[in-house]
């Protein structure tokens, strides 16, 4: 025998207005970038040795133990001081920040007077400056930086970095900005002078 009891209709699906989709996509991209950044930080914390494991067995003073710990770990958080896998991990995290937060907000129109290179990660100066900018962003957008932290970051860090990176004679000067004729070229740097060489 067939069930003839009336069925209640299911709830109506929720529809996001089309005007809000861009905001939603932007928020999602920012959240994904933050999650990746937190993953990098957790990886760093997980790879640091335990303080108890680094304690010397012979009961050496704490100062000597701290010196030994500094020698084992990276001497700097700056990306150019890293090597191998540590550099690759840091560059991947930086790329997420540049692609999902920095460029969508601050990547203004490209021109010969304001160049940008899609292969920015192959320009050592650009990597160094963007990494320093990202480190400052992490510091000045933290709640401990106070309410003026983001303003300080814009004034003291972002404006200076953009002025240098996007200058007509900056690291992207040799890269063509035309979409129809793309060209990427890293400018050569001068070789260091040899001391004691006779001329």
N, C-alpha and C. Protein backbone atom coordinates (compact mmCIF):
# COMPACT_ATOMS: atom_id res chain seq x y z
N UNK A 1 0.84 -1.17 0.00
CA UNK A 1 0.00 0.00 0.00
C UNK A 1 0.89 1.24 0.00
N UNK A 2 0.63 2.22 -0.85
CA UNK A 2 1.44 3.44 -1.00
C UNK A 2 1.15 4.39 0.14
N UNK A 3 2.19 5.14 0.53
CA UNK A 3 2.05 6.13 1.60
C UNK A 3 1.42 7.38 1.02
N UNK A 4 0.24 7.73 1.52
CA UNK A 4 -0.48 8.89 0.99
C UNK A 4 -0.45 10.07 1.95
N UNK A 5 0.36 9.99 3.02
CA UNK A 5 0.42 11.11 3.97
C UNK A 5 1.09 12.31 3.31
N UNK A 6 0.60 13.50 3.63
CA UNK A 6 1.18 14.70 3.00
C UNK A 6 2.62 14.90 3.47
N UNK A 7 3.48 15.28 2.55
CA UNK A 7 4.87 15.54 2.91
C UNK A 7 5.09 17.04 2.99
N UNK A 8 5.87 17.43 3.97
CA UNK A 8 6.15 18.87 4.12
C UNK A 8 7.33 19.23 3.21
N UNK A 9 7.24 20.37 2.57
CA UNK A 9 8.32 20.78 1.67
C UNK A 9 9.59 21.08 2.48
N UNK A 10 10.76 20.82 1.87
CA UNK A 10 12.05 21.10 2.52
C UNK A 10 12.29 22.60 2.58
N UNK A 11 13.29 22.99 3.34
CA UNK A 11 13.58 24.42 3.45
C UNK A 11 14.09 24.96 2.12
N UNK A 12 13.80 26.21 1.87
CA UNK A 12 14.24 26.86 0.64
C UNK A 12 15.76 27.04 0.69
N UNK A 13 16.45 26.82 -0.41
CA UNK A 13 17.91 27.04 -0.40
C UNK A 13 18.22 28.53 -0.23
N UNK A 14 19.32 28.79 0.47
CA UNK A 14 19.74 30.18 0.70
C UNK A 14 20.46 30.69 -0.54
N UNK A 15 20.12 31.85 -0.99
CA UNK A 15 20.75 32.43 -2.19
C UNK A 15 21.51 33.68 -1.79
N UNK A 16 22.79 33.72 -2.14
CA UNK A 16 23.62 34.90 -1.90
C UNK A 16 23.41 35.86 -3.06
N UNK A 17 23.09 37.12 -2.76
CA UNK A 17 22.92 38.09 -3.86
C UNK A 17 24.20 38.21 -4.68
N UNK A 18 24.03 38.37 -6.00
CA UNK A 18 25.18 38.44 -6.90
C UNK A 18 26.15 39.55 -6.51
N UNK A 19 25.65 40.65 -6.00
CA UNK A 19 26.51 41.78 -5.63
C UNK A 19 27.45 41.40 -4.49
N UNK A 20 27.05 40.44 -3.64
CA UNK A 20 27.87 40.05 -2.50
C UNK A 20 28.88 38.96 -2.82
N UNK A 21 28.80 38.36 -4.01
CA UNK A 21 29.69 37.26 -4.35
C UNK A 21 31.16 37.69 -4.40
N UNK A 22 31.42 38.89 -4.95
CA UNK A 22 32.81 39.37 -5.01
C UNK A 22 33.38 39.55 -3.61
N UNK A 23 32.58 40.13 -2.70
CA UNK A 23 33.05 40.29 -1.32
C UNK A 23 33.30 38.94 -0.68
N UNK A 24 32.43 37.99 -0.95
CA UNK A 24 32.58 36.65 -0.38
C UNK A 24 33.84 35.97 -0.91
N UNK A 25 34.09 36.09 -2.21
CA UNK A 25 35.29 35.49 -2.80
C UNK A 25 36.55 36.14 -2.24
N UNK A 26 36.54 37.46 -2.07
CA UNK A 26 37.69 38.17 -1.51
C UNK A 26 37.93 37.74 -0.07
N UNK A 27 36.87 37.63 0.71
CA UNK A 27 37.00 37.20 2.10
C UNK A 27 37.54 35.78 2.17
N UNK A 28 37.04 34.91 1.31
CA UNK A 28 37.51 33.53 1.29
C UNK A 28 38.99 33.46 0.91
N UNK A 29 39.41 34.24 -0.08
CA UNK A 29 40.82 34.24 -0.49
C UNK A 29 41.71 34.73 0.66
N UNK A 30 41.29 35.77 1.36
CA UNK A 30 42.07 36.27 2.50
C UNK A 30 42.14 35.24 3.61
N UNK A 31 41.03 34.57 3.87
CA UNK A 31 41.01 33.54 4.91
C UNK A 31 41.93 32.39 4.55
N UNK A 32 41.91 31.98 3.27
CA UNK A 32 42.79 30.89 2.83
C UNK A 32 44.26 31.29 2.98
N UNK A 33 44.60 32.54 2.65
CA UNK A 33 45.98 33.01 2.80
C UNK A 33 46.40 33.00 4.26
N UNK A 34 45.49 33.41 5.15
CA UNK A 34 45.80 33.40 6.58
C UNK A 34 45.98 31.98 7.09
N UNK A 35 45.16 31.04 6.63
CA UNK A 35 45.29 29.65 7.04
C UNK A 35 46.65 29.10 6.59
N UNK A 36 47.04 29.40 5.34
CA UNK A 36 48.35 28.94 4.86
C UNK A 36 49.47 29.55 5.69
N UNK A 37 49.33 30.85 6.02
CA UNK A 37 50.35 31.52 6.84
C UNK A 37 50.44 30.86 8.22
N UNK A 38 49.31 30.55 8.81
CA UNK A 38 49.32 29.88 10.12
C UNK A 38 49.95 28.49 10.01
N UNK A 39 49.72 27.81 8.90
CA UNK A 39 50.35 26.51 8.70
C UNK A 39 51.86 26.61 8.65
N UNK A 40 52.37 27.65 7.97
CA UNK A 40 53.82 27.86 7.92
C UNK A 40 54.36 28.13 9.31
N UNK A 41 53.66 28.95 10.07
CA UNK A 41 54.11 29.25 11.43
C UNK A 41 54.11 27.99 12.28
N UNK A 42 53.06 27.18 12.16
CA UNK A 42 53.00 25.93 12.92
C UNK A 42 54.11 24.97 12.51
N UNK A 43 54.42 24.93 11.20
CA UNK A 43 55.52 24.09 10.74
C UNK A 43 56.84 24.54 11.35
N UNK A 44 57.04 25.88 11.41
CA UNK A 44 58.26 26.41 12.02
C UNK A 44 58.34 26.01 13.49
N UNK A 45 57.23 26.19 14.20
CA UNK A 45 57.22 25.87 15.62
C UNK A 45 57.44 24.38 15.85
N UNK A 46 56.87 23.55 14.97
CA UNK A 46 57.02 22.11 15.11
C UNK A 46 58.42 21.62 14.80
N UNK A 47 59.15 22.38 14.00
CA UNK A 47 60.49 21.95 13.64
C UNK A 47 61.56 22.44 14.60
N UNK A 48 61.19 23.35 15.53
CA UNK A 48 62.17 23.83 16.51
C UNK A 48 62.41 22.75 17.55
N UNK A 49 63.68 22.55 17.96
CA UNK A 49 63.97 21.53 18.97
C UNK A 49 63.43 21.93 20.34
N UNK A 50 63.07 20.94 21.14
CA UNK A 50 62.60 21.20 22.50
C UNK A 50 63.74 21.78 23.32
N UNK A 51 63.40 22.68 24.24
CA UNK A 51 64.44 23.29 25.07
C UNK A 51 65.07 22.26 25.99
N UNK A 52 64.31 21.26 26.42
CA UNK A 52 64.86 20.22 27.30
C UNK A 52 65.84 19.34 26.53
N UNK A 53 65.55 19.10 25.24
CA UNK A 53 66.44 18.26 24.44
C UNK A 53 67.74 18.96 24.13
N UNK A 54 67.72 20.30 24.13
CA UNK A 54 68.94 21.03 23.82
C UNK A 54 69.79 21.30 25.05
N UNK A 55 69.33 20.92 26.24
CA UNK A 55 70.09 21.11 27.48
C UNK A 55 71.28 20.17 27.49
N UNK A 56 72.50 20.68 27.65
CA UNK A 56 73.67 19.82 27.65
C UNK A 56 73.67 18.89 28.84
N UNK A 57 74.21 17.68 28.63
CA UNK A 57 74.22 16.67 29.69
C UNK A 57 75.21 17.00 30.79
N UNK A 58 76.26 17.77 30.48
CA UNK A 58 77.28 18.04 31.49
C UNK A 58 76.93 19.21 32.42
N UNK A 59 75.70 19.74 32.32
CA UNK A 59 75.26 20.80 33.20
C UNK A 59 75.90 22.14 32.88
N UNK A 60 76.19 22.44 31.61
CA UNK A 60 76.77 23.72 31.22
C UNK A 60 75.78 24.84 31.50
N UNK A 61 76.25 26.03 31.70
CA UNK A 61 75.35 27.15 31.99
C UNK A 61 74.36 27.38 30.85
N UNK A 62 73.24 28.05 31.20
CA UNK A 62 72.19 28.29 30.21
C UNK A 62 72.68 29.17 29.08
N UNK A 63 73.59 30.10 29.34
CA UNK A 63 74.09 30.98 28.28
C UNK A 63 74.78 30.18 27.19
N UNK A 64 75.57 29.18 27.59
CA UNK A 64 76.24 28.35 26.59
C UNK A 64 75.24 27.52 25.81
N UNK A 65 74.20 27.04 26.49
CA UNK A 65 73.15 26.27 25.80
C UNK A 65 72.43 27.15 24.79
N UNK A 66 72.18 28.41 25.15
CA UNK A 66 71.51 29.33 24.23
C UNK A 66 72.38 29.60 23.02
N UNK A 67 73.71 29.75 23.22
CA UNK A 67 74.61 29.96 22.09
C UNK A 67 74.59 28.76 21.15
N UNK A 68 74.55 27.56 21.70
CA UNK A 68 74.48 26.36 20.87
C UNK A 68 73.20 26.29 20.08
N UNK A 69 72.10 26.72 20.70
CA UNK A 69 70.81 26.70 20.02
C UNK A 69 70.82 27.69 18.86
N UNK A 70 71.42 28.86 19.04
CA UNK A 70 71.49 29.85 17.97
C UNK A 70 72.31 29.31 16.80
N UNK A 71 73.36 28.58 17.09
CA UNK A 71 74.21 28.05 16.01
C UNK A 71 73.48 26.99 15.20
N UNK A 72 72.60 26.21 15.85
CA UNK A 72 71.88 25.15 15.14
C UNK A 72 70.74 25.70 14.29
N UNK A 73 70.01 26.70 14.77
CA UNK A 73 68.85 27.24 14.07
C UNK A 73 69.24 28.33 13.10
N UNK A 74 68.26 28.84 12.33
CA UNK A 74 68.56 29.92 11.40
C UNK A 74 68.96 31.17 12.17
N UNK A 75 69.93 31.90 11.62
CA UNK A 75 70.42 33.11 12.27
C UNK A 75 69.47 34.28 12.05
N UNK A 76 68.54 34.16 11.11
CA UNK A 76 67.67 35.26 10.76
C UNK A 76 66.34 34.71 10.24
N UNK A 77 65.28 35.53 10.33
CA UNK A 77 64.01 35.16 9.73
C UNK A 77 63.92 35.68 8.30
N UNK A 78 64.91 36.47 7.88
CA UNK A 78 64.93 37.06 6.54
C UNK A 78 65.13 35.96 5.50
N UNK A 79 64.35 36.00 4.44
CA UNK A 79 64.33 34.92 3.45
C UNK A 79 65.68 34.71 2.77
N UNK A 80 66.46 35.76 2.57
CA UNK A 80 67.75 35.59 1.91
C UNK A 80 68.76 34.88 2.79
N UNK A 81 68.48 34.77 4.09
CA UNK A 81 69.37 34.05 5.00
C UNK A 81 69.02 32.57 5.08
N UNK A 82 67.92 32.18 4.44
CA UNK A 82 67.48 30.79 4.46
C UNK A 82 68.02 30.06 3.24
N UNK A 83 68.03 28.77 3.32
CA UNK A 83 68.49 27.97 2.19
C UNK A 83 67.66 26.71 2.06
N UNK A 84 67.76 26.07 0.92
CA UNK A 84 67.14 24.77 0.68
C UNK A 84 65.65 24.77 0.91
N UNK A 85 65.19 23.78 1.68
CA UNK A 85 63.76 23.59 1.92
C UNK A 85 63.16 24.75 2.71
N UNK A 86 63.92 25.30 3.66
CA UNK A 86 63.41 26.42 4.45
C UNK A 86 63.10 27.61 3.54
N UNK A 87 63.97 27.88 2.55
CA UNK A 87 63.73 28.96 1.60
C UNK A 87 62.47 28.66 0.77
N UNK A 88 62.34 27.43 0.30
CA UNK A 88 61.20 27.06 -0.54
C UNK A 88 59.88 27.20 0.22
N UNK A 89 59.87 26.78 1.48
CA UNK A 89 58.65 26.89 2.30
C UNK A 89 58.30 28.35 2.52
N UNK A 90 59.31 29.16 2.84
CA UNK A 90 59.06 30.58 3.09
C UNK A 90 58.61 31.29 1.81
N UNK A 91 59.20 30.94 0.66
CA UNK A 91 58.80 31.55 -0.61
C UNK A 91 57.37 31.16 -0.97
N UNK A 92 56.96 29.93 -0.68
CA UNK A 92 55.59 29.50 -0.96
C UNK A 92 54.60 30.30 -0.11
N UNK A 93 54.93 30.50 1.16
CA UNK A 93 54.05 31.28 2.03
C UNK A 93 54.00 32.73 1.58
N UNK A 94 55.15 33.28 1.20
CA UNK A 94 55.20 34.65 0.69
C UNK A 94 54.37 34.78 -0.58
N UNK A 95 54.48 33.79 -1.47
CA UNK A 95 53.71 33.82 -2.72
C UNK A 95 52.21 33.85 -2.46
N UNK A 96 51.75 33.08 -1.48
CA UNK A 96 50.33 33.11 -1.13
C UNK A 96 49.92 34.51 -0.70
N UNK A 97 50.74 35.13 0.14
CA UNK A 97 50.41 36.47 0.63
C UNK A 97 50.41 37.48 -0.52
N UNK A 98 51.43 37.40 -1.38
CA UNK A 98 51.53 38.34 -2.50
C UNK A 98 50.35 38.15 -3.46
N UNK A 99 50.04 36.89 -3.81
CA UNK A 99 49.01 36.62 -4.81
C UNK A 99 47.59 36.81 -4.31
N UNK A 100 47.32 36.50 -3.04
CA UNK A 100 45.95 36.52 -2.54
C UNK A 100 45.60 37.74 -1.70
N UNK A 101 46.58 38.50 -1.25
CA UNK A 101 46.27 39.68 -0.46
C UNK A 101 46.92 40.93 -1.04
N UNK A 102 48.23 40.88 -1.23
CA UNK A 102 48.95 42.07 -1.67
C UNK A 102 48.51 42.54 -3.06
N UNK A 103 48.60 41.70 -4.07
CA UNK A 103 48.28 42.12 -5.44
C UNK A 103 46.80 42.49 -5.63
N UNK A 104 45.84 41.72 -5.08
CA UNK A 104 44.45 42.13 -5.26
C UNK A 104 44.14 43.51 -4.66
N UNK A 105 44.85 43.89 -3.61
CA UNK A 105 44.57 45.17 -2.96
C UNK A 105 45.48 46.28 -3.48
N UNK A 106 46.77 46.00 -3.65
CA UNK A 106 47.74 47.05 -3.96
C UNK A 106 48.35 46.95 -5.36
N UNK A 107 47.94 45.98 -6.15
CA UNK A 107 48.52 45.81 -7.49
C UNK A 107 47.85 46.71 -8.49
N UNK A 108 48.25 47.94 -8.51
CA UNK A 108 47.65 48.92 -9.41
C UNK A 108 48.04 48.64 -10.86
N UNK A 109 47.49 49.44 -11.77
CA UNK A 109 47.72 49.25 -13.20
C UNK A 109 49.21 49.24 -13.53
N UNK A 110 49.57 48.34 -14.41
CA UNK A 110 50.96 48.19 -14.82
C UNK A 110 51.22 49.09 -16.03
N UNK A 111 52.35 49.78 -16.00
CA UNK A 111 52.76 50.62 -17.11
C UNK A 111 54.28 50.67 -17.13
N UNK A 112 54.85 51.34 -18.14
CA UNK A 112 56.31 51.44 -18.19
C UNK A 112 56.84 52.29 -17.04
N UNK A 113 56.03 53.22 -16.55
CA UNK A 113 56.48 54.04 -15.42
C UNK A 113 56.19 53.37 -14.07
N UNK A 114 55.36 52.32 -14.07
CA UNK A 114 55.04 51.57 -12.85
C UNK A 114 55.03 50.08 -13.19
N UNK A 115 56.21 49.50 -13.47
CA UNK A 115 56.26 48.11 -13.92
C UNK A 115 55.98 47.11 -12.80
N UNK A 116 55.59 45.92 -13.22
CA UNK A 116 55.46 44.77 -12.32
C UNK A 116 55.76 43.54 -13.15
N UNK A 117 56.36 42.55 -12.54
CA UNK A 117 56.68 41.32 -13.27
C UNK A 117 55.92 40.16 -12.65
N UNK A 118 55.23 39.40 -13.48
CA UNK A 118 54.49 38.22 -13.00
C UNK A 118 55.45 37.18 -12.43
N UNK A 119 56.70 37.24 -12.84
CA UNK A 119 57.73 36.31 -12.33
C UNK A 119 58.56 37.00 -11.24
N UNK A 120 57.91 37.76 -10.38
CA UNK A 120 58.60 38.53 -9.34
C UNK A 120 59.48 37.65 -8.47
N UNK A 121 59.08 36.38 -8.28
CA UNK A 121 59.82 35.47 -7.40
C UNK A 121 61.19 35.10 -7.98
N UNK A 122 61.47 35.46 -9.24
CA UNK A 122 62.77 35.20 -9.84
C UNK A 122 63.71 36.41 -9.74
N UNK A 123 63.21 37.51 -9.19
CA UNK A 123 64.00 38.72 -8.98
C UNK A 123 64.42 38.77 -7.51
N UNK A 124 65.68 38.51 -7.20
CA UNK A 124 66.11 38.47 -5.80
C UNK A 124 65.77 39.72 -5.00
N UNK A 125 65.92 40.91 -5.61
CA UNK A 125 65.60 42.13 -4.88
C UNK A 125 64.11 42.19 -4.56
N UNK A 126 63.27 41.79 -5.50
CA UNK A 126 61.83 41.80 -5.27
C UNK A 126 61.46 40.83 -4.16
N UNK A 127 62.04 39.64 -4.18
CA UNK A 127 61.78 38.66 -3.12
C UNK A 127 62.18 39.23 -1.77
N UNK A 128 63.36 39.84 -1.70
CA UNK A 128 63.85 40.39 -0.44
C UNK A 128 62.93 41.50 0.06
N UNK A 129 62.55 42.42 -0.81
CA UNK A 129 61.71 43.55 -0.39
C UNK A 129 60.30 43.09 -0.02
N UNK A 130 59.72 42.19 -0.82
CA UNK A 130 58.37 41.72 -0.52
C UNK A 130 58.35 40.89 0.76
N UNK A 131 59.41 40.12 1.00
CA UNK A 131 59.47 39.33 2.23
C UNK A 131 59.56 40.26 3.45
N UNK A 132 60.40 41.28 3.36
CA UNK A 132 60.51 42.24 4.45
C UNK A 132 59.16 42.94 4.68
N UNK A 133 58.47 43.26 3.59
CA UNK A 133 57.16 43.89 3.70
C UNK A 133 56.16 42.95 4.37
N UNK A 134 56.22 41.67 4.02
CA UNK A 134 55.32 40.68 4.61
C UNK A 134 55.60 40.49 6.10
N UNK A 135 56.88 40.44 6.48
CA UNK A 135 57.23 40.32 7.89
C UNK A 135 56.69 41.51 8.68
N UNK A 136 56.84 42.71 8.11
CA UNK A 136 56.31 43.91 8.77
C UNK A 136 54.80 43.86 8.84
N UNK A 137 54.16 43.35 7.79
CA UNK A 137 52.69 43.23 7.78
C UNK A 137 52.23 42.31 8.92
N UNK A 138 52.95 41.19 9.11
CA UNK A 138 52.59 40.28 10.19
C UNK A 138 52.71 40.97 11.54
N UNK A 139 53.73 41.79 11.70
CA UNK A 139 53.93 42.48 12.98
C UNK A 139 52.89 43.57 13.19
N UNK A 140 52.66 44.42 12.18
CA UNK A 140 51.82 45.59 12.37
C UNK A 140 50.32 45.33 12.20
N UNK A 141 49.93 44.14 11.74
CA UNK A 141 48.51 43.83 11.70
C UNK A 141 48.10 42.96 12.88
N UNK A 142 49.04 42.62 13.73
CA UNK A 142 48.75 41.87 14.94
C UNK A 142 48.08 42.81 15.94
N UNK A 143 47.19 42.27 16.76
CA UNK A 143 46.48 43.11 17.73
C UNK A 143 47.42 43.79 18.71
N UNK A 144 48.59 43.19 18.97
CA UNK A 144 49.54 43.80 19.88
C UNK A 144 50.15 45.08 19.31
N UNK A 145 50.05 45.30 18.01
CA UNK A 145 50.58 46.52 17.40
C UNK A 145 49.72 47.73 17.70
N UNK A 146 48.52 47.49 18.21
CA UNK A 146 47.63 48.60 18.52
C UNK A 146 46.82 49.04 17.32
N UNK A 147 45.97 50.01 17.55
CA UNK A 147 45.06 50.48 16.50
C UNK A 147 45.78 51.20 15.37
N UNK A 148 46.93 51.78 15.64
CA UNK A 148 47.65 52.51 14.59
C UNK A 148 48.63 51.61 13.83
N UNK A 149 48.70 50.33 14.17
CA UNK A 149 49.62 49.41 13.50
C UNK A 149 49.46 49.38 11.99
N UNK A 150 48.25 49.17 11.46
CA UNK A 150 48.09 49.13 10.00
C UNK A 150 48.49 50.45 9.32
N UNK A 151 48.19 51.58 9.97
CA UNK A 151 48.58 52.86 9.39
C UNK A 151 50.10 52.99 9.35
N UNK A 152 50.76 52.56 10.39
CA UNK A 152 52.22 52.59 10.43
C UNK A 152 52.80 51.70 9.34
N UNK A 153 52.20 50.52 9.14
CA UNK A 153 52.67 49.62 8.09
C UNK A 153 52.55 50.28 6.71
N UNK A 154 51.42 50.92 6.44
CA UNK A 154 51.24 51.59 5.14
C UNK A 154 52.28 52.69 4.96
N UNK A 155 52.43 53.54 5.97
CA UNK A 155 53.31 54.70 5.85
C UNK A 155 54.79 54.31 5.79
N UNK A 156 55.22 53.47 6.72
CA UNK A 156 56.65 53.19 6.87
C UNK A 156 57.15 52.04 6.02
N UNK A 157 56.27 51.15 5.58
CA UNK A 157 56.74 49.95 4.90
C UNK A 157 56.17 49.82 3.48
N UNK A 158 54.85 49.84 3.34
CA UNK A 158 54.23 49.62 2.03
C UNK A 158 54.63 50.70 1.02
N UNK A 159 54.48 51.96 1.39
CA UNK A 159 54.74 53.04 0.44
C UNK A 159 56.19 53.02 -0.06
N UNK A 160 57.12 52.77 0.85
CA UNK A 160 58.53 52.73 0.45
C UNK A 160 58.82 51.53 -0.46
N UNK A 161 58.26 50.38 -0.12
CA UNK A 161 58.49 49.17 -0.92
C UNK A 161 57.93 49.34 -2.33
N UNK A 162 56.70 49.84 -2.44
CA UNK A 162 56.11 50.04 -3.76
C UNK A 162 56.91 51.05 -4.58
N UNK A 163 57.39 52.11 -3.95
CA UNK A 163 58.18 53.12 -4.67
C UNK A 163 59.44 52.50 -5.26
N UNK A 164 60.09 51.62 -4.52
CA UNK A 164 61.32 51.00 -5.02
C UNK A 164 61.04 49.89 -6.04
N UNK A 165 60.09 49.02 -5.74
CA UNK A 165 59.81 47.89 -6.64
C UNK A 165 59.27 48.36 -7.99
N UNK A 166 58.39 49.35 -7.97
CA UNK A 166 57.70 49.74 -9.20
C UNK A 166 58.31 50.97 -9.85
N UNK A 167 59.51 51.33 -9.44
CA UNK A 167 60.20 52.46 -10.07
C UNK A 167 60.63 52.08 -11.48
N UNK A 168 60.70 53.05 -12.39
CA UNK A 168 61.12 52.74 -13.77
C UNK A 168 62.52 52.13 -13.86
N UNK A 169 63.36 52.36 -12.85
CA UNK A 169 64.69 51.75 -12.84
C UNK A 169 64.82 50.69 -11.75
N UNK A 170 63.68 50.17 -11.29
CA UNK A 170 63.67 49.15 -10.24
C UNK A 170 63.96 47.76 -10.78
N UNK A 171 63.73 46.74 -9.97
CA UNK A 171 64.08 45.37 -10.37
C UNK A 171 63.29 44.85 -11.56
N UNK A 172 62.14 45.47 -11.88
CA UNK A 172 61.33 45.00 -13.00
C UNK A 172 61.54 45.85 -14.27
N UNK A 173 62.55 46.70 -14.27
CA UNK A 173 62.77 47.63 -15.37
C UNK A 173 62.97 46.94 -16.73
N UNK A 174 63.57 45.76 -16.72
CA UNK A 174 63.85 45.06 -17.99
C UNK A 174 62.71 44.14 -18.41
N UNK A 175 61.66 44.07 -17.63
CA UNK A 175 60.52 43.20 -17.97
C UNK A 175 59.48 44.00 -18.72
N UNK A 176 59.04 43.49 -19.87
CA UNK A 176 58.03 44.15 -20.68
C UNK A 176 56.68 44.04 -20.00
N UNK A 177 55.96 45.15 -19.97
CA UNK A 177 54.67 45.16 -19.30
C UNK A 177 53.50 44.88 -20.24
N UNK A 178 53.76 44.79 -21.53
CA UNK A 178 52.68 44.55 -22.49
C UNK A 178 52.22 43.10 -22.44
N UNK A 179 50.91 42.90 -22.35
CA UNK A 179 50.36 41.54 -22.32
C UNK A 179 50.53 40.85 -23.67
N UNK A 180 50.61 41.61 -24.76
CA UNK A 180 50.76 41.01 -26.08
C UNK A 180 52.20 40.64 -26.38
N UNK A 181 53.16 41.28 -25.68
CA UNK A 181 54.58 40.97 -25.87
C UNK A 181 55.24 40.77 -24.51
N UNK A 182 54.88 39.71 -23.80
CA UNK A 182 55.48 39.54 -22.48
C UNK A 182 56.97 39.23 -22.56
N UNK A 183 57.72 39.80 -21.66
CA UNK A 183 59.16 39.56 -21.60
C UNK A 183 59.60 39.63 -20.15
N UNK A 184 60.37 38.65 -19.75
CA UNK A 184 60.87 38.61 -18.36
C UNK A 184 62.38 38.49 -18.41
N UNK A 185 63.05 39.42 -17.73
CA UNK A 185 64.52 39.38 -17.72
C UNK A 185 65.00 39.92 -16.39
N UNK A 186 65.86 39.16 -15.74
CA UNK A 186 66.47 39.61 -14.49
C UNK A 186 67.76 40.34 -14.86
N UNK A 187 67.87 41.57 -14.39
CA UNK A 187 69.06 42.36 -14.70
C UNK A 187 70.28 41.80 -13.98
N UNK A 188 71.41 41.82 -14.66
CA UNK A 188 72.66 41.35 -14.06
C UNK A 188 73.15 42.36 -13.03
N UNK A 189 73.78 41.86 -11.99
CA UNK A 189 74.36 42.73 -10.98
C UNK A 189 75.85 42.81 -11.20
N UNK A 190 76.48 43.91 -10.79
CA UNK A 190 77.92 44.03 -11.00
C UNK A 190 78.68 42.99 -10.20
N UNK A 191 79.76 42.48 -10.78
CA UNK A 191 80.60 41.50 -10.09
C UNK A 191 81.42 42.22 -9.02
N UNK A 192 81.65 41.58 -7.89
CA UNK A 192 82.46 42.24 -6.85
C UNK A 192 83.89 42.39 -7.32
N UNK A 193 84.52 43.49 -6.88
CA UNK A 193 85.92 43.75 -7.26
C UNK A 193 86.82 42.81 -6.50
N UNK A 194 87.85 42.33 -7.19
CA UNK A 194 88.85 41.46 -6.58
C UNK A 194 89.88 42.31 -5.88
N UNK A 195 90.12 42.07 -4.61
CA UNK A 195 91.11 42.83 -3.85
C UNK A 195 92.51 42.35 -4.22
N UNK A 196 93.43 43.28 -4.40
CA UNK A 196 94.82 42.92 -4.64
C UNK A 196 95.14 42.56 -6.09
N UNK A 197 94.22 42.80 -7.03
CA UNK A 197 94.48 42.49 -8.44
C UNK A 197 95.13 43.70 -9.07
N UNK A 198 96.27 43.49 -9.71
CA UNK A 198 96.99 44.60 -10.37
C UNK A 198 96.27 44.97 -11.65
N UNK A 199 96.28 46.28 -11.95
CA UNK A 199 95.62 46.75 -13.18
C UNK A 199 96.61 47.02 -14.26
